[in-house]
Amino acid sequence: MVGAFEQAILALMIFVIMLGMGASLTPRDFYLALRRPYGLAIGVISQYGFMPLIGFTLAMFLTLPEAIAAGVLIMACMPGGTTSNIFTYFSKGNLALSVLMTVTSTVAGVILIPLILVAYATALNLEIPRENIIITLILLLVPVAIGMVLRRVNANVGAVTEFFGSALALFFILFLMVSWIPRNWQFLLETSGGTYAASIGLGLIGITIGYIFARSLSLHPRNARTVALETGIQNGPLAVAIIVFTFPSAEAQAVMAVPVLYSLFIVIISTLVTLVFRRANLAAEQKMPDSLL
């Protein structure tokens, strides 16, 4: 599925994406986040409460092969990515909240991802290389820190880095379409319906539950849209990178199936959801008081 050249390109992409995420942050962001625990709680519950449970449920009820089930769990346990920030902007959501949730889930993921993965993998009798995943996650915080330093040293350089990081997150999807799909067409034809169902359902169900959860808390619709997108849109490039750098080559091919397919389908799903959200963005809604943060 992924050759040596693609692994090198993937590593570079992930570095730039995480660099861009770091460039979007300042120490003040963390200060404000700690002063607003409500937003932090929503981010953690959405990313590491709902999504792993959705992934576990799909893996169990769709009776997926072990490698595919492992891919579903890894994808479900990923933090939010910069792609969710982009769709939040286009859907007229709360961009500040989106960034806050992305940052929270990314930083907290270093601790929570291995713990949650092991818990659900044990329930499904799956083997997950926890130590390798922890090392990979810690290493990926390095470009985030570098990005924050760039932003601190020069705001303009930080802004450019942030833009390229966000743009590269979407380019990653195009890269998969151009490079990966043609060479793995036969694999896609032979892939079971359950694998496709898991790849599509993970994002679609996540967005739906995220929106219902936010509205049950009586959040402003703008914030509810944000929570929905942040919940359902996971960091696909990060999942692929973790699998490539964690699992043996032969095993990684199958484990990677759902993260790759998820990354392709989530753009389509998020685009359709964004169109629905924009239509719901009525003038009366904008007059409602903002109830979050």
C-alpha atoms as a PDB file:
ATOM      1  CA  MET A   1       0.000   0.000   0.000  1.00  0.00           C
ATOM      2  CA  VAL A   2       2.613   2.563   1.058  1.00  0.00           C
ATOM      3  CA  GLY A   3       6.111   2.367  -0.397  1.00  0.00           C
ATOM      4  CA  ALA A   4       9.373   3.794   0.934  1.00  0.00           C
ATOM      5  CA  PHE A   5       8.984   7.000  -1.099  1.00  0.00           C
ATOM      6  CA  GLU A   6       5.440   7.517   0.145  1.00  0.00           C
ATOM      7  CA  GLN A   7       6.580   6.923   3.721  1.00  0.00           C
ATOM      8  CA  ALA A   8       9.175   9.674   3.329  1.00  0.00           C
ATOM      9  CA  ILE A   9       6.590  12.044   1.828  1.00  0.00           C
ATOM     10  CA  LEU A  10       4.132  11.127   4.577  1.00  0.00           C
ATOM     11  CA  ALA A  11       6.689  11.838   7.295  1.00  0.00           C
ATOM     12  CA  LEU A  12       7.406  15.246   5.736  1.00  0.00           C
ATOM     13  CA  MET A  13       3.690  16.029   5.433  1.00  0.00           C
ATOM     14  CA  ILE A  14       2.993  15.101   9.045  1.00  0.00           C
ATOM     15  CA  PHE A  15       5.914  17.237  10.199  1.00  0.00           C
ATOM     16  CA  VAL A  16       4.634  20.293   8.293  1.00  0.00           C
ATOM     17  CA  ILE A  17       1.021  19.711   9.396  1.00  0.00           C
ATOM     18  CA  MET A  18       2.026  19.512  13.066  1.00  0.00           C
ATOM     19  CA  LEU A  19       4.374  22.471  12.551  1.00  0.00           C
ATOM     20  CA  GLY A  20       1.427  24.468  11.216  1.00  0.00           C
ATOM     21  CA  MET A  21      -0.692  23.451  14.174  1.00  0.00           C
ATOM     22  CA  GLY A  22       1.999  24.655  16.537  1.00  0.00           C
ATOM     23  CA  ALA A  23       2.304  27.931  14.634  1.00  0.00           C
ATOM     24  CA  SER A  24      -1.373  28.578  15.297  1.00  0.00           C
ATOM     25  CA  LEU A  25      -0.784  28.473  19.050  1.00  0.00           C
ATOM     26  CA  THR A  26       0.509  30.896  21.637  1.00  0.00           C
ATOM     27  CA  PRO A  27       1.027  30.448  25.381  1.00  0.00           C
ATOM     28  CA  ARG A  28      -2.053  32.637  25.818  1.00  0.00           C
ATOM     29  CA  ASP A  29      -4.165  29.973  24.080  1.00  0.00           C
ATOM     30  CA  PHE A  30      -3.263  27.453  26.787  1.00  0.00           C
ATOM     31  CA  TYR A  31      -3.896  30.065  29.474  1.00  0.00           C
ATOM     32  CA  LEU A  32      -7.355  30.799  28.085  1.00  0.00           C
ATOM     33  CA  ALA A  33      -8.048  27.088  27.691  1.00  0.00           C
ATOM     34  CA  LEU A  34      -7.311  26.463  31.347  1.00  0.00           C
ATOM     35  CA  ARG A  35      -9.587  29.351  32.297  1.00  0.00           C
ATOM     36  CA  ARG A  36     -12.398  27.831  30.235  1.00  0.00           C
ATOM     37  CA  PRO A  37     -12.672  24.236  31.432  1.00  0.00           C
ATOM     38  CA  TYR A  38     -16.128  23.869  29.888  1.00  0.00           C
ATOM     39  CA  GLY A  39     -14.650  23.968  26.388  1.00  0.00           C
ATOM     40  CA  LEU A  40     -11.839  21.635  27.409  1.00  0.00           C
ATOM     41  CA  ALA A  41     -14.308  19.137  28.856  1.00  0.00           C
ATOM     42  CA  ILE A  42     -16.396  19.151  25.685  1.00  0.00           C
ATOM     43  CA  GLY A  43     -13.280  18.559  23.598  1.00  0.00           C
ATOM     44  CA  VAL A  44     -12.069  15.628  25.681  1.00  0.00           C
ATOM     45  CA  ILE A  45     -15.502  14.001  25.950  1.00  0.00           C
ATOM     46  CA  SER A  46     -16.154  14.361  22.216  1.00  0.00           C
ATOM     47  CA  GLN A  47     -12.786  13.099  21.014  1.00  0.00           C
ATOM     48  CA  TYR A  48     -11.923  10.478  23.598  1.00  0.00           C
ATOM     49  CA  GLY A  49     -15.356   9.550  24.903  1.00  0.00           C
ATOM     50  CA  PHE A  50     -17.683   9.300  21.924  1.00  0.00           C
ATOM     51  CA  MET A  51     -15.354   8.503  19.020  1.00  0.00           C
ATOM     52  CA  PRO A  52     -13.493   5.509  20.535  1.00  0.00           C
ATOM     53  CA  LEU A  53     -16.830   4.083  21.664  1.00  0.00           C
ATOM     54  CA  ILE A  54     -18.229   4.512  18.147  1.00  0.00           C
ATOM     55  CA  GLY A  55     -15.162   2.818  16.691  1.00  0.00           C
ATOM     56  CA  PHE A  56     -15.371  -0.046  19.162  1.00  0.00           C
ATOM     57  CA  THR A  57     -19.075  -0.548  18.418  1.00  0.00           C
ATOM     58  CA  LEU A  58     -18.490  -0.568  14.655  1.00  0.00           C
ATOM     59  CA  ALA A  59     -15.580  -3.003  14.958  1.00  0.00           C
ATOM     60  CA  MET A  60     -17.624  -5.344  17.118  1.00  0.00           C
ATOM     61  CA  PHE A  61     -20.956  -5.346  15.279  1.00  0.00           C
ATOM     62  CA  LEU A  62     -19.503  -5.369  11.755  1.00  0.00           C
ATOM     63  CA  THR A  63     -17.403  -8.437  12.671  1.00  0.00           C
ATOM     64  CA  LEU A  64     -14.306  -7.054  10.992  1.00  0.00           C
ATOM     65  CA  PRO A  65     -10.993  -8.919  10.603  1.00  0.00           C
ATOM     66  CA  GLU A  66      -8.481  -8.197  13.359  1.00  0.00           C
ATOM     67  CA  ALA A  67      -6.241  -5.913  11.293  1.00  0.00           C
ATOM     68  CA  ILE A  68      -9.212  -3.896   9.996  1.00  0.00           C
ATOM     69  CA  ALA A  69     -10.670  -3.652  13.520  1.00  0.00           C
ATOM     70  CA  ALA A  70      -7.324  -2.365  14.794  1.00  0.00           C
ATOM     71  CA  GLY A  71      -7.388   0.298  12.080  1.00  0.00           C
ATOM     72  CA  VAL A  72     -10.899   1.340  13.095  1.00  0.00           C
ATOM     73  CA  LEU A  73      -9.862   1.719  16.746  1.00  0.00           C
ATOM     74  CA  ILE A  74      -6.730   3.706  15.902  1.00  0.00           C
ATOM     75  CA  MET A  75      -8.684   6.027  13.633  1.00  0.00           C
ATOM     76  CA  ALA A  76     -11.399   6.478  16.255  1.00  0.00           C
ATOM     77  CA  CYS A  77      -8.855   7.394  18.935  1.00  0.00           C
ATOM     78  CA  MET A  78      -7.126  10.129  16.940  1.00  0.00           C
ATOM     79  CA  PRO A  79      -7.346  13.777  17.994  1.00  0.00           C
ATOM     80  CA  GLY A  80      -8.948  16.422  15.828  1.00  0.00           C
ATOM     81  CA  GLY A  81      -6.894  17.869  12.990  1.00  0.00           C
ATOM     82  CA  THR A  82      -6.561  21.143  11.116  1.00  0.00           C
ATOM     83  CA  THR A  83      -9.077  19.881   8.536  1.00  0.00           C
ATOM     84  CA  SER A  84     -11.825  20.276  11.127  1.00  0.00           C
ATOM     85  CA  ASN A  85     -10.782  23.907  11.634  1.00  0.00           C
ATOM     86  CA  ILE A  86     -11.157  24.548   7.899  1.00  0.00           C
ATOM     87  CA  PHE A  87     -14.640  23.024   7.689  1.00  0.00           C
ATOM     88  CA  THR A  88     -15.658  24.865  10.870  1.00  0.00           C
ATOM     89  CA  TYR A  89     -14.723  28.131   9.185  1.00  0.00           C
ATOM     90  CA  PHE A  90     -16.702  27.326   6.036  1.00  0.00           C
ATOM     91  CA  SER A  91     -19.725  26.210   8.058  1.00  0.00           C
ATOM     92  CA  LYS A  92     -19.712  29.522   9.954  1.00  0.00           C
ATOM     93  CA  GLY A  93     -18.925  27.789  13.221  1.00  0.00           C
ATOM     94  CA  ASN A  94     -16.872  28.988  16.181  1.00  0.00           C
ATOM     95  CA  LEU A  95     -13.303  28.868  14.885  1.00  0.00           C
ATOM     96  CA  ALA A  96     -11.789  29.730  18.261  1.00  0.00           C
ATOM     97  CA  LEU A  97     -13.595  26.816  19.871  1.00  0.00           C
ATOM     98  CA  SER A  98     -12.535  24.541  17.005  1.00  0.00           C
ATOM     99  CA  VAL A  99      -8.866  25.392  17.496  1.00  0.00           C
ATOM    100  CA  LEU A 100      -9.227  24.989  21.262  1.00  0.00           C
ATOM    101  CA  MET A 101     -10.729  21.514  20.870  1.00  0.00           C
ATOM    102  CA  THR A 102      -8.034  20.521  18.355  1.00  0.00           C
ATOM    103  CA  VAL A 103      -5.254  21.679  20.662  1.00  0.00           C
ATOM    104  CA  THR A 104      -6.811  20.006  23.688  1.00  0.00           C
ATOM    105  CA  SER A 105      -7.294  16.663  21.959  1.00  0.00           C
ATOM    106  CA  THR A 106      -3.801  16.725  20.437  1.00  0.00           C
ATOM    107  CA  VAL A 107      -1.952  17.455  23.673  1.00  0.00           C
ATOM    108  CA  ALA A 108      -4.144  15.164  25.782  1.00  0.00           C
ATOM    109  CA  GLY A 109      -3.793  12.440  23.171  1.00  0.00           C
ATOM    110  CA  VAL A 110      -0.224  11.653  24.192  1.00  0.00           C
ATOM    111  CA  ILE A 111      -1.631  10.175  27.405  1.00  0.00           C
ATOM    112  CA  LEU A 112      -5.196   9.244  26.476  1.00  0.00           C
ATOM    113  CA  ILE A 113      -4.695   7.585  23.071  1.00  0.00           C
ATOM    114  CA  PRO A 114      -2.534   4.676  24.311  1.00  0.00           C
ATOM    115  CA  LEU A 115      -4.737   4.132  27.378  1.00  0.00           C
ATOM    116  CA  ILE A 116      -8.000   4.094  25.431  1.00  0.00           C
ATOM    117  CA  LEU A 117      -6.557   2.025  22.606  1.00  0.00           C
ATOM    118  CA  VAL A 118      -5.309  -0.647  24.985  1.00  0.00           C
ATOM    119  CA  ALA A 119      -8.627  -0.748  26.841  1.00  0.00           C
ATOM    120  CA  TYR A 120     -10.748  -1.242  23.715  1.00  0.00           C
ATOM    121  CA  ALA A 121      -8.185  -3.486  21.993  1.00  0.00           C
ATOM    122  CA  THR A 122      -8.176  -5.767  25.039  1.00  0.00           C
ATOM    123  CA  ALA A 123     -11.969  -5.995  24.868  1.00  0.00           C
ATOM    124  CA  LEU A 124     -11.670  -7.080  21.223  1.00  0.00           C
ATOM    125  CA  ASN A 125      -8.656  -9.342  21.866  1.00  0.00           C
ATOM    126  CA  LEU A 126      -6.447  -7.261  19.582  1.00  0.00           C
ATOM    127  CA  GLU A 127      -2.707  -6.630  19.858  1.00  0.00           C
ATOM    128  CA  ILE A 128      -1.803  -2.922  19.774  1.00  0.00           C
ATOM    129  CA  PRO A 129       1.902  -1.901  20.020  1.00  0.00           C
ATOM    130  CA  ARG A 130       1.337   0.646  22.779  1.00  0.00           C
ATOM    131  CA  GLU A 131       4.983   1.602  23.356  1.00  0.00           C
ATOM    132  CA  ASN A 132       5.594   2.411  19.684  1.00  0.00           C
ATOM    133  CA  ILE A 133       2.475   4.567  19.545  1.00  0.00           C
ATOM    134  CA  ILE A 134       3.515   6.522  22.652  1.00  0.00           C
ATOM    135  CA  ILE A 135       6.971   7.204  21.172  1.00  0.00           C
ATOM    136  CA  THR A 136       5.441   8.330  17.871  1.00  0.00           C
ATOM    137  CA  LEU A 137       3.008  10.682  19.608  1.00  0.00           C
ATOM    138  CA  ILE A 138       5.754  12.239  21.729  1.00  0.00           C
ATOM    139  CA  LEU A 139       7.960  12.764  18.676  1.00  0.00           C
ATOM    140  CA  LEU A 140       5.078  14.457  16.852  1.00  0.00           C
ATOM    141  CA  LEU A 141       4.875  17.068  19.608  1.00  0.00           C
ATOM    142  CA  VAL A 142       8.345  18.290  18.583  1.00  0.00           C
ATOM    143  CA  PRO A 143       7.180  20.083  15.391  1.00  0.00           C
ATOM    144  CA  VAL A 144       4.251  21.531  17.387  1.00  0.00           C
ATOM    145  CA  ALA A 145       6.751  23.072  19.801  1.00  0.00           C
ATOM    146  CA  ILE A 146       8.886  24.341  16.911  1.00  0.00           C
ATOM    147  CA  GLY A 147       5.811  25.929  15.338  1.00  0.00           C
ATOM    148  CA  MET A 148       5.003  27.740  18.578  1.00  0.00           C
ATOM    149  CA  VAL A 149       8.576  29.078  18.706  1.00  0.00           C
ATOM    150  CA  LEU A 150       8.311  30.318  15.106  1.00  0.00           C
ATOM    151  CA  ARG A 151       5.058  32.088  15.953  1.00  0.00           C
ATOM    152  CA  ARG A 152       6.705  33.639  19.003  1.00  0.00           C
ATOM    153  CA  VAL A 153       9.813  34.810  17.113  1.00  0.00           C
ATOM    154  CA  ASN A 154       8.018  36.164  14.043  1.00  0.00           C
ATOM    155  CA  ALA A 155       4.241  36.420  13.749  1.00  0.00           C
ATOM    156  CA  ASN A 156       4.352  36.616   9.939  1.00  0.00           C
ATOM    157  CA  VAL A 157       6.451  33.479   9.616  1.00  0.00           C
ATOM    158  CA  GLY A 158       4.091  31.775  12.060  1.00  0.00           C
ATOM    159  CA  ALA A 159       1.052  32.800  10.002  1.00  0.00           C
ATOM    160  CA  VAL A 160       2.591  31.457   6.780  1.00  0.00           C
ATOM    161  CA  THR A 161       3.563  28.202   8.502  1.00  0.00           C
ATOM    162  CA  GLU A 162       0.046  27.837   9.897  1.00  0.00           C
ATOM    163  CA  PHE A 163      -1.462  28.334   6.433  1.00  0.00           C
ATOM    164  CA  PHE A 164       0.790  25.755   4.795  1.00  0.00           C
ATOM    165  CA  GLY A 165       0.135  23.275   7.581  1.00  0.00           C
ATOM    166  CA  SER A 166      -3.622  23.592   7.132  1.00  0.00           C
ATOM    167  CA  ALA A 167      -3.410  23.448   3.339  1.00  0.00           C
ATOM    168  CA  LEU A 168      -1.180  20.388   3.473  1.00  0.00           C
ATOM    169  CA  ALA A 169      -3.760  18.542   5.575  1.00  0.00           C
ATOM    170  CA  LEU A 170      -6.153  18.740   2.611  1.00  0.00           C
ATOM    171  CA  PHE A 171      -3.371  18.071   0.105  1.00  0.00           C
ATOM    172  CA  PHE A 172      -2.744  14.828   1.960  1.00  0.00           C
ATOM    173  CA  ILE A 173      -6.148  13.613   0.782  1.00  0.00           C
ATOM    174  CA  LEU A 174      -5.331  14.532  -2.820  1.00  0.00           C
ATOM    175  CA  PHE A 175      -1.990  12.770  -2.449  1.00  0.00           C
ATOM    176  CA  LEU A 176      -3.764   9.576  -1.423  1.00  0.00           C
ATOM    177  CA  MET A 177      -6.176   9.845  -4.329  1.00  0.00           C
ATOM    178  CA  VAL A 178      -3.440  10.349  -6.914  1.00  0.00           C
ATOM    179  CA  SER A 179      -0.781   8.056  -5.475  1.00  0.00           C
ATOM    180  CA  TRP A 180      -2.462   5.384  -3.388  1.00  0.00           C
ATOM    181  CA  ILE A 181      -5.798   4.605  -5.042  1.00  0.00           C
ATOM    182  CA  PRO A 182      -4.562   3.715  -8.566  1.00  0.00           C
ATOM    183  CA  ARG A 183      -1.941   1.287  -7.227  1.00  0.00           C
ATOM    184  CA  ASN A 184      -4.379  -0.326  -4.804  1.00  0.00           C
ATOM    185  CA  TRP A 185      -7.461  -0.450  -7.013  1.00  0.00           C
ATOM    186  CA  GLN A 186      -7.716  -4.209  -6.814  1.00  0.00           C
ATOM    187  CA  PHE A 187      -7.490  -4.031  -3.014  1.00  0.00           C
ATOM    188  CA  LEU A 188     -10.361  -1.540  -2.957  1.00  0.00           C
ATOM    189  CA  LEU A 189     -12.478  -3.807  -5.152  1.00  0.00           C
ATOM    190  CA  GLU A 190     -11.842  -6.732  -2.822  1.00  0.00           C
ATOM    191  CA  THR A 191     -12.414  -4.756   0.370  1.00  0.00           C
ATOM    192  CA  SER A 192     -15.490  -5.888   2.282  1.00  0.00           C
ATOM    193  CA  GLY A 193     -18.616  -3.809   2.688  1.00  0.00           C
ATOM    194  CA  GLY A 194     -18.031  -3.792   6.450  1.00  0.00           C
ATOM    195  CA  THR A 195     -14.723  -1.978   5.979  1.00  0.00           C
ATOM    196  CA  TYR A 196     -16.405   0.686   3.872  1.00  0.00           C
ATOM    197  CA  ALA A 197     -19.255   0.934   6.376  1.00  0.00           C
ATOM    198  CA  ALA A 198     -16.786   1.488   9.212  1.00  0.00           C
ATOM    199  CA  SER A 199     -14.819   4.064   7.209  1.00  0.00           C
ATOM    200  CA  ILE A 200     -17.922   6.088   6.371  1.00  0.00           C
ATOM    201  CA  GLY A 201     -19.864   5.481   9.577  1.00  0.00           C
ATOM    202  CA  LEU A 202     -17.085   6.610  11.899  1.00  0.00           C
ATOM    203  CA  GLY A 203     -17.160  10.194  10.667  1.00  0.00           C
ATOM    204  CA  LEU A 204     -20.867  10.393   9.913  1.00  0.00           C
ATOM    205  CA  ILE A 205     -21.978   8.979  13.272  1.00  0.00           C
ATOM    206  CA  GLY A 206     -19.369  11.076  15.073  1.00  0.00           C
ATOM    207  CA  ILE A 207     -20.643  14.317  13.548  1.00  0.00           C
ATOM    208  CA  THR A 208     -24.246  13.378  14.323  1.00  0.00           C
ATOM    209  CA  ILE A 209     -23.594  12.437  17.949  1.00  0.00           C
ATOM    210  CA  GLY A 210     -21.367  15.474  18.439  1.00  0.00           C
ATOM    211  CA  TYR A 211     -24.166  17.768  17.284  1.00  0.00           C
ATOM    212  CA  ILE A 212     -26.791  16.050  19.423  1.00  0.00           C
ATOM    213  CA  PHE A 213     -24.448  16.196  22.432  1.00  0.00           C
ATOM    214  CA  ALA A 214     -23.815  19.921  21.950  1.00  0.00           C
ATOM    215  CA  ARG A 215     -27.481  20.774  21.491  1.00  0.00           C
ATOM    216  CA  SER A 216     -28.367  18.724  24.595  1.00  0.00           C
ATOM    217  CA  LEU A 217     -26.111  21.124  26.504  1.00  0.00           C
ATOM    218  CA  SER A 218     -28.139  24.023  25.064  1.00  0.00           C
ATOM    219  CA  LEU A 219     -25.143  25.398  23.190  1.00  0.00           C
ATOM    220  CA  HIS A 220     -25.535  28.075  20.563  1.00  0.00           C
ATOM    221  CA  PRO A 221     -26.074  26.419  17.146  1.00  0.00           C
ATOM    222  CA  ARG A 222     -22.813  27.949  15.911  1.00  0.00           C
ATOM    223  CA  ASN A 223     -20.945  26.178  18.695  1.00  0.00           C
ATOM    224  CA  ALA A 224     -22.967  23.003  18.190  1.00  0.00           C
ATOM    225  CA  ARG A 225     -21.819  22.878  14.561  1.00  0.00           C
ATOM    226  CA  THR A 226     -18.254  23.298  15.743  1.00  0.00           C
ATOM    227  CA  VAL A 227     -18.490  20.480  18.280  1.00  0.00           C
ATOM    228  CA  ALA A 228     -20.096  18.237  15.642  1.00  0.00           C
ATOM    229  CA  LEU A 229     -17.309  18.765  13.111  1.00  0.00           C
ATOM    230  CA  GLU A 230     -14.568  18.509  15.730  1.00  0.00           C
ATOM    231  CA  THR A 231     -16.041  15.256  16.974  1.00  0.00           C
ATOM    232  CA  GLY A 232     -16.409  13.532  13.613  1.00  0.00           C
ATOM    233  CA  ILE A 233     -13.332  14.839  11.781  1.00  0.00           C
ATOM    234  CA  GLN A 234     -10.287  13.008  13.121  1.00  0.00           C
ATOM    235  CA  ASN A 235      -6.643  13.477  12.200  1.00  0.00           C
ATOM    236  CA  GLY A 236      -6.392  10.954   9.358  1.00  0.00           C
ATOM    237  CA  PRO A 237      -2.779  11.765   8.382  1.00  0.00           C
ATOM    238  CA  LEU A 238      -1.715  11.193  11.985  1.00  0.00           C
ATOM    239  CA  ALA A 239      -3.441   7.791  12.059  1.00  0.00           C
ATOM    240  CA  VAL A 240      -1.733   6.711   8.844  1.00  0.00           C
ATOM    241  CA  ALA A 241       1.631   7.919  10.140  1.00  0.00           C
ATOM    242  CA  ILE A 242       1.253   6.057  13.431  1.00  0.00           C
ATOM    243  CA  ILE A 243       0.400   2.842  11.590  1.00  0.00           C
ATOM    244  CA  VAL A 244       3.267   3.177   9.101  1.00  0.00           C
ATOM    245  CA  PHE A 245       5.831   3.892  11.827  1.00  0.00           C
ATOM    246  CA  THR A 246       4.429   1.419  14.371  1.00  0.00           C
ATOM    247  CA  PHE A 247       3.335  -1.806  12.664  1.00  0.00           C
ATOM    248  CA  PRO A 248       5.449  -4.236  10.597  1.00  0.00           C
ATOM    249  CA  SER A 249       5.166  -3.477   6.874  1.00  0.00           C
ATOM    250  CA  ALA A 250       3.019  -6.491   5.952  1.00  0.00           C
ATOM    251  CA  GLU A 251       0.573  -5.949   8.810  1.00  0.00           C
ATOM    252  CA  ALA A 252       0.424  -2.187   8.287  1.00  0.00           C
ATOM    253  CA  GLN A 253      -1.099  -2.648   4.836  1.00  0.00           C
ATOM    254  CA  ALA A 254      -4.348  -4.051   6.250  1.00  0.00           C
ATOM    255  CA  VAL A 255      -4.438  -1.889   9.397  1.00  0.00           C
ATOM    256  CA  MET A 256      -4.147   1.212   7.238  1.00  0.00           C
ATOM    257  CA  ALA A 257      -7.224   0.431   5.130  1.00  0.00           C
ATOM    258  CA  VAL A 258      -9.808   2.190   7.305  1.00  0.00           C
ATOM    259  CA  PRO A 259      -7.733   5.324   8.074  1.00  0.00           C
ATOM    260  CA  VAL A 260      -7.024   5.799   4.367  1.00  0.00           C
ATOM    261  CA  LEU A 261     -10.642   5.240   3.324  1.00  0.00           C
ATOM    262  CA  TYR A 262     -11.852   7.388   6.233  1.00  0.00           C
ATOM    263  CA  SER A 263      -9.570  10.226   5.099  1.00  0.00           C
ATOM    264  CA  LEU A 264     -11.055  10.054   1.619  1.00  0.00           C
ATOM    265  CA  PHE A 265     -14.708   9.854   2.659  1.00  0.00           C
ATOM    266  CA  ILE A 266     -14.576  12.383   5.503  1.00  0.00           C
ATOM    267  CA  VAL A 267     -13.903  15.217   3.053  1.00  0.00           C
ATOM    268  CA  ILE A 268     -17.050  14.326   1.099  1.00  0.00           C
ATOM    269  CA  ILE A 269     -19.107  13.894   4.269  1.00  0.00           C
ATOM    270  CA  SER A 270     -17.823  17.127   5.817  1.00  0.00           C
ATOM    271  CA  THR A 271     -18.505  19.068   2.615  1.00  0.00           C
ATOM    272  CA  LEU A 272     -22.127  17.881   2.539  1.00  0.00           C
ATOM    273  CA  VAL A 273     -22.554  18.574   6.267  1.00  0.00           C
ATOM    274  CA  THR A 274     -21.038  22.041   5.825  1.00  0.00           C
ATOM    275  CA  LEU A 275     -23.572  22.841   3.084  1.00  0.00           C
ATOM    276  CA  VAL A 276     -26.385  21.786   5.423  1.00  0.00           C
ATOM    277  CA  PHE A 277     -24.937  23.859   8.275  1.00  0.00           C
ATOM    278  CA  ARG A 278     -24.578  26.951   6.081  1.00  0.00           C
ATOM    279  CA  ARG A 279     -28.218  26.717   5.043  1.00  0.00           C
ATOM    280  CA  ALA A 280     -29.169  26.549   8.715  1.00  0.00           C
ATOM    281  CA  ASN A 281     -27.149  29.669   9.469  1.00  0.00           C
ATOM    282  CA  LEU A 282     -30.203  31.929   9.675  1.00  0.00           C
ATOM    283  CA  ALA A 283     -30.161  35.571  10.687  1.00  0.00           C
ATOM    284  CA  ALA A 284     -32.258  34.794  13.750  1.00  0.00           C
ATOM    285  CA  GLU A 285     -29.680  32.283  14.886  1.00  0.00           C
ATOM    286  CA  GLN A 286     -26.956  34.934  14.878  1.00  0.00           C
ATOM    287  CA  LYS A 287     -28.941  36.995  17.367  1.00  0.00           C
ATOM    288  CA  MET A 288     -28.953  34.212  19.922  1.00  0.00           C
ATOM    289  CA  PRO A 289     -26.632  34.640  22.912  1.00  0.00           C
ATOM    290  CA  ASP A 290     -23.378  32.701  22.743  1.00  0.00           C
ATOM    291  CA  SER A 291     -23.658  30.154  25.562  1.00  0.00           C
ATOM    292  CA  LEU A 292     -20.224  28.561  25.362  1.00  0.00           C
ATOM    293  CA  LEU A 293     -16.886  29.779  26.633  1.00  0.00           C
END
